[in-house]
C-alpha atoms as a PDB file:
ATOM      1  CA  MET A   1      26.538  18.507 -61.424  1.00  0.00           C
ATOM      2  CA  ASN A   2      28.715  21.597 -61.442  1.00  0.00           C
ATOM      3  CA  ILE A   3      30.635  22.967 -58.479  1.00  0.00           C
ATOM      4  CA  THR A   4      28.023  25.636 -57.649  1.00  0.00           C
ATOM      5  CA  GLU A   5      25.258  23.021 -57.428  1.00  0.00           C
ATOM      6  CA  PHE A   6      27.512  20.799 -55.367  1.00  0.00           C
ATOM      7  CA  LEU A   7      28.313  23.604 -52.903  1.00  0.00           C
ATOM      8  CA  THR A   8      24.633  24.592 -52.683  1.00  0.00           C
ATOM      9  CA  ASP A   9      23.664  20.973 -51.960  1.00  0.00           C
ATOM     10  CA  LEU A  10      26.432  20.700 -49.375  1.00  0.00           C
ATOM     11  CA  GLN A  11      25.249  23.916 -47.652  1.00  0.00           C
ATOM     12  CA  THR A  12      21.637  22.654 -47.624  1.00  0.00           C
ATOM     13  CA  ARG A  13      22.716  19.397 -45.986  1.00  0.00           C
ATOM     14  CA  HIS A  14      24.816  21.319 -43.478  1.00  0.00           C
ATOM     15  CA  ASP A  15      21.873  23.583 -42.583  1.00  0.00           C
ATOM     16  CA  GLU A  16      19.606  20.542 -42.162  1.00  0.00           C
ATOM     17  CA  ALA A  17      22.182  18.890 -39.916  1.00  0.00           C
ATOM     18  CA  VAL A  18      22.447  22.066 -37.789  1.00  0.00           C
ATOM     19  CA  VAL A  19      18.641  22.150 -37.358  1.00  0.00           C
ATOM     20  CA  HIS A  20      18.576  18.444 -36.495  1.00  0.00           C
ATOM     21  CA  ALA A  21      21.403  18.884 -33.949  1.00  0.00           C
ATOM     22  CA  ASP A  22      19.509  21.767 -32.322  1.00  0.00           C
ATOM     23  CA  GLU A  23      16.376  19.577 -32.098  1.00  0.00           C
ATOM     24  CA  LEU A  24      18.390  16.782 -30.499  1.00  0.00           C
ATOM     25  CA  ARG A  25      19.925  19.212 -27.996  1.00  0.00           C
ATOM     26  CA  GLY A  26      16.413  20.358 -27.061  1.00  0.00           C
ATOM     27  CA  GLN A  27      15.271  16.765 -26.598  1.00  0.00           C
ATOM     28  CA  ILE A  28      18.314  16.032 -24.445  1.00  0.00           C
ATOM     29  CA  GLU A  29      17.538  19.091 -22.324  1.00  0.00           C
ATOM     30  CA  ASP A  30      13.888  17.998 -21.912  1.00  0.00           C
ATOM     31  CA  LEU A  31      14.885  14.435 -21.054  1.00  0.00           C
ATOM     32  CA  THR A  32      17.533  15.624 -18.593  1.00  0.00           C
ATOM     33  CA  GLY A  33      14.898  17.707 -16.797  1.00  0.00           C
ATOM     34  CA  ALA A  34      12.405  14.819 -16.768  1.00  0.00           C
ATOM     35  CA  LEU A  35      15.097  12.476 -15.446  1.00  0.00           C
ATOM     36  CA  ALA A  36      15.995  14.890 -12.652  1.00  0.00           C
ATOM     37  CA  GLU A  37      12.317  15.196 -11.638  1.00  0.00           C
ATOM     38  CA  THR A  38      11.861  11.414 -11.662  1.00  0.00           C
ATOM     39  CA  GLU A  39      15.012  10.842  -9.604  1.00  0.00           C
ATOM     40  CA  ALA A  40      13.798  13.442  -7.084  1.00  0.00           C
ATOM     41  CA  ARG A  41      10.446  11.609  -6.786  1.00  0.00           C
ATOM     42  CA  LEU A  42      12.260   8.297  -6.319  1.00  0.00           C
ATOM     43  CA  THR A  43      14.360   9.812  -3.542  1.00  0.00           C
ATOM     44  CA  GLU A  44      11.246  11.219  -1.846  1.00  0.00           C
ATOM     45  CA  ARG A  45       9.472   7.850  -2.057  1.00  0.00           C
ATOM     46  CA  ALA A  46      12.490   6.018  -0.661  1.00  0.00           C
ATOM     47  CA  THR A  47      12.580   8.475   2.235  1.00  0.00           C
ATOM     48  CA  ALA A  48       8.846   8.059   2.828  1.00  0.00           C
ATOM     49  CA  ARG A  49       9.222   4.268   2.802  1.00  0.00           C
ATOM     50  CA  LYS A  50      12.021   4.500   5.412  1.00  0.00           C
ATOM     51  CA  VAL A  51       9.961   6.797   7.648  1.00  0.00           C
ATOM     52  CA  ILE A  52       6.900   4.555   7.409  1.00  0.00           C
ATOM     53  CA  ALA A  53       8.988   1.462   8.125  1.00  0.00           C
ATOM     54  CA  GLU A  54      10.365   3.126  11.257  1.00  0.00           C
ATOM     55  CA  LEU A  55       6.931   4.222  12.469  1.00  0.00           C
ATOM     56  CA  ALA A  56       5.057   1.013  11.574  1.00  0.00           C
ATOM     57  CA  PRO A  57       4.297  -1.492  14.315  1.00  0.00           C
ATOM     58  CA  PRO A  58       6.741  -4.392  14.556  1.00  0.00           C
ATOM     59  CA  ASP A  59       6.207  -7.176  12.062  1.00  0.00           C
ATOM     60  CA  HIS A  60       4.846 -10.434  13.464  1.00  0.00           C
ATOM     61  CA  GLY A  61       6.166 -13.188  11.232  1.00  0.00           C
ATOM     62  CA  GLY A  62       5.708 -11.273   8.004  1.00  0.00           C
ATOM     63  CA  GLU A  63       1.907 -11.067   8.302  1.00  0.00           C
ATOM     64  CA  LEU A  64      -0.257  -8.386   9.795  1.00  0.00           C
ATOM     65  CA  ASP A  65      -3.141  -9.425  12.002  1.00  0.00           C
ATOM     66  CA  PRO A  66      -6.262  -9.879   9.910  1.00  0.00           C
ATOM     67  CA  PRO A  67      -8.817  -7.117  10.270  1.00  0.00           C
ATOM     68  CA  GLU A  68     -11.774  -7.763  12.498  1.00  0.00           C
ATOM     69  CA  PRO A  69     -14.680  -9.248  10.560  1.00  0.00           C
ATOM     70  CA  THR A  70     -17.299  -6.648   9.863  1.00  0.00           C
ATOM     71  CA  THR A  71     -19.939  -8.932   8.391  1.00  0.00           C
ATOM     72  CA  ALA A  72     -21.241 -12.414   9.153  1.00  0.00           C
ATOM     73  CA  TYR A  73     -19.959 -13.538   5.761  1.00  0.00           C
ATOM     74  CA  GLN A  74     -16.425 -12.353   6.549  1.00  0.00           C
ATOM     75  CA  ALA A  75     -16.573 -14.060   9.951  1.00  0.00           C
ATOM     76  CA  ILE A  76     -17.596 -17.353   8.337  1.00  0.00           C
ATOM     77  CA  VAL A  77     -14.879 -17.120   5.683  1.00  0.00           C
ATOM     78  CA  ASN A  78     -12.284 -16.354   8.372  1.00  0.00           C
ATOM     79  CA  ALA A  79     -13.448 -19.370  10.409  1.00  0.00           C
ATOM     80  CA  PHE A  80     -12.980 -21.674   7.429  1.00  0.00           C
ATOM     81  CA  ASN A  81      -9.578 -20.133   6.675  1.00  0.00           C
ATOM     82  CA  GLN A  82      -8.434 -20.585  10.271  1.00  0.00           C
ATOM     83  CA  HIS A  83      -9.607 -24.223  10.356  1.00  0.00           C
ATOM     84  CA  PRO A  84      -9.086 -25.478   6.765  1.00  0.00           C
ATOM     85  CA  ASP A  85      -9.126 -29.184   7.669  1.00  0.00           C
ATOM     86  CA  GLN A  86     -12.226 -29.060   9.826  1.00  0.00           C
ATOM     87  CA  ALA A  87     -15.730 -29.784   8.583  1.00  0.00           C
ATOM     88  CA  PHE A  88     -18.323 -27.666  10.359  1.00  0.00           C
ATOM     89  CA  ARG A  89     -21.948 -28.318  11.064  1.00  0.00           C
ATOM     90  CA  VAL A  90     -24.031 -25.190  11.133  1.00  0.00           C
ATOM     91  CA  ARG A  91     -24.493 -25.370  14.910  1.00  0.00           C
ATOM     92  CA  GLU A  92     -20.711 -25.769  15.454  1.00  0.00           C
ATOM     93  CA  LEU A  93     -19.951 -22.846  13.188  1.00  0.00           C
ATOM     94  CA  HIS A  94     -22.500 -20.676  14.990  1.00  0.00           C
ATOM     95  CA  GLU A  95     -21.001 -21.611  18.366  1.00  0.00           C
ATOM     96  CA  LEU A  96     -17.477 -20.902  17.134  1.00  0.00           C
ATOM     97  CA  LEU A  97     -18.542 -17.471  15.901  1.00  0.00           C
ATOM     98  CA  GLY A  98     -20.690 -16.681  18.930  1.00  0.00           C
ATOM     99  CA  MET A  99     -23.837 -16.607  16.836  1.00  0.00           C
ATOM    100  CA  PRO A 100     -27.210 -17.721  18.207  1.00  0.00           C
ATOM    101  CA  THR A 101     -27.825 -21.443  17.933  1.00  0.00           C
ATOM    102  CA  ASP A 102     -31.466 -21.582  18.955  1.00  0.00           C
ATOM    103  CA  ASP A 103     -33.830 -23.252  16.534  1.00  0.00           C
ATOM    104  CA  ARG A 104     -36.294 -20.860  15.008  1.00  0.00           C
ATOM    105  CA  PRO A 105     -39.908 -21.945  14.453  1.00  0.00           C
END
């Protein structure tokens, strides 16, 4: 390889490196913008969490009161969950839940 070819090859590699450096700078700029947006969202969410925590009703032992049962099935499941060691007869379960206990013909 003569000196002219060597210099031409060196210039080509230099030009490629300049292009690659410009691409990397662009990626860094894009990532810096994305990072700033993400950090802003994190700050907003942290603020929202603080506001909600201040406005939320006081915590009672780490558990919120269970929602009122809206179906007979949910009421039955809640009864079994509240009395896990108790075996229920149908009549007892109905009485506990305030359901009718009359025998139907």
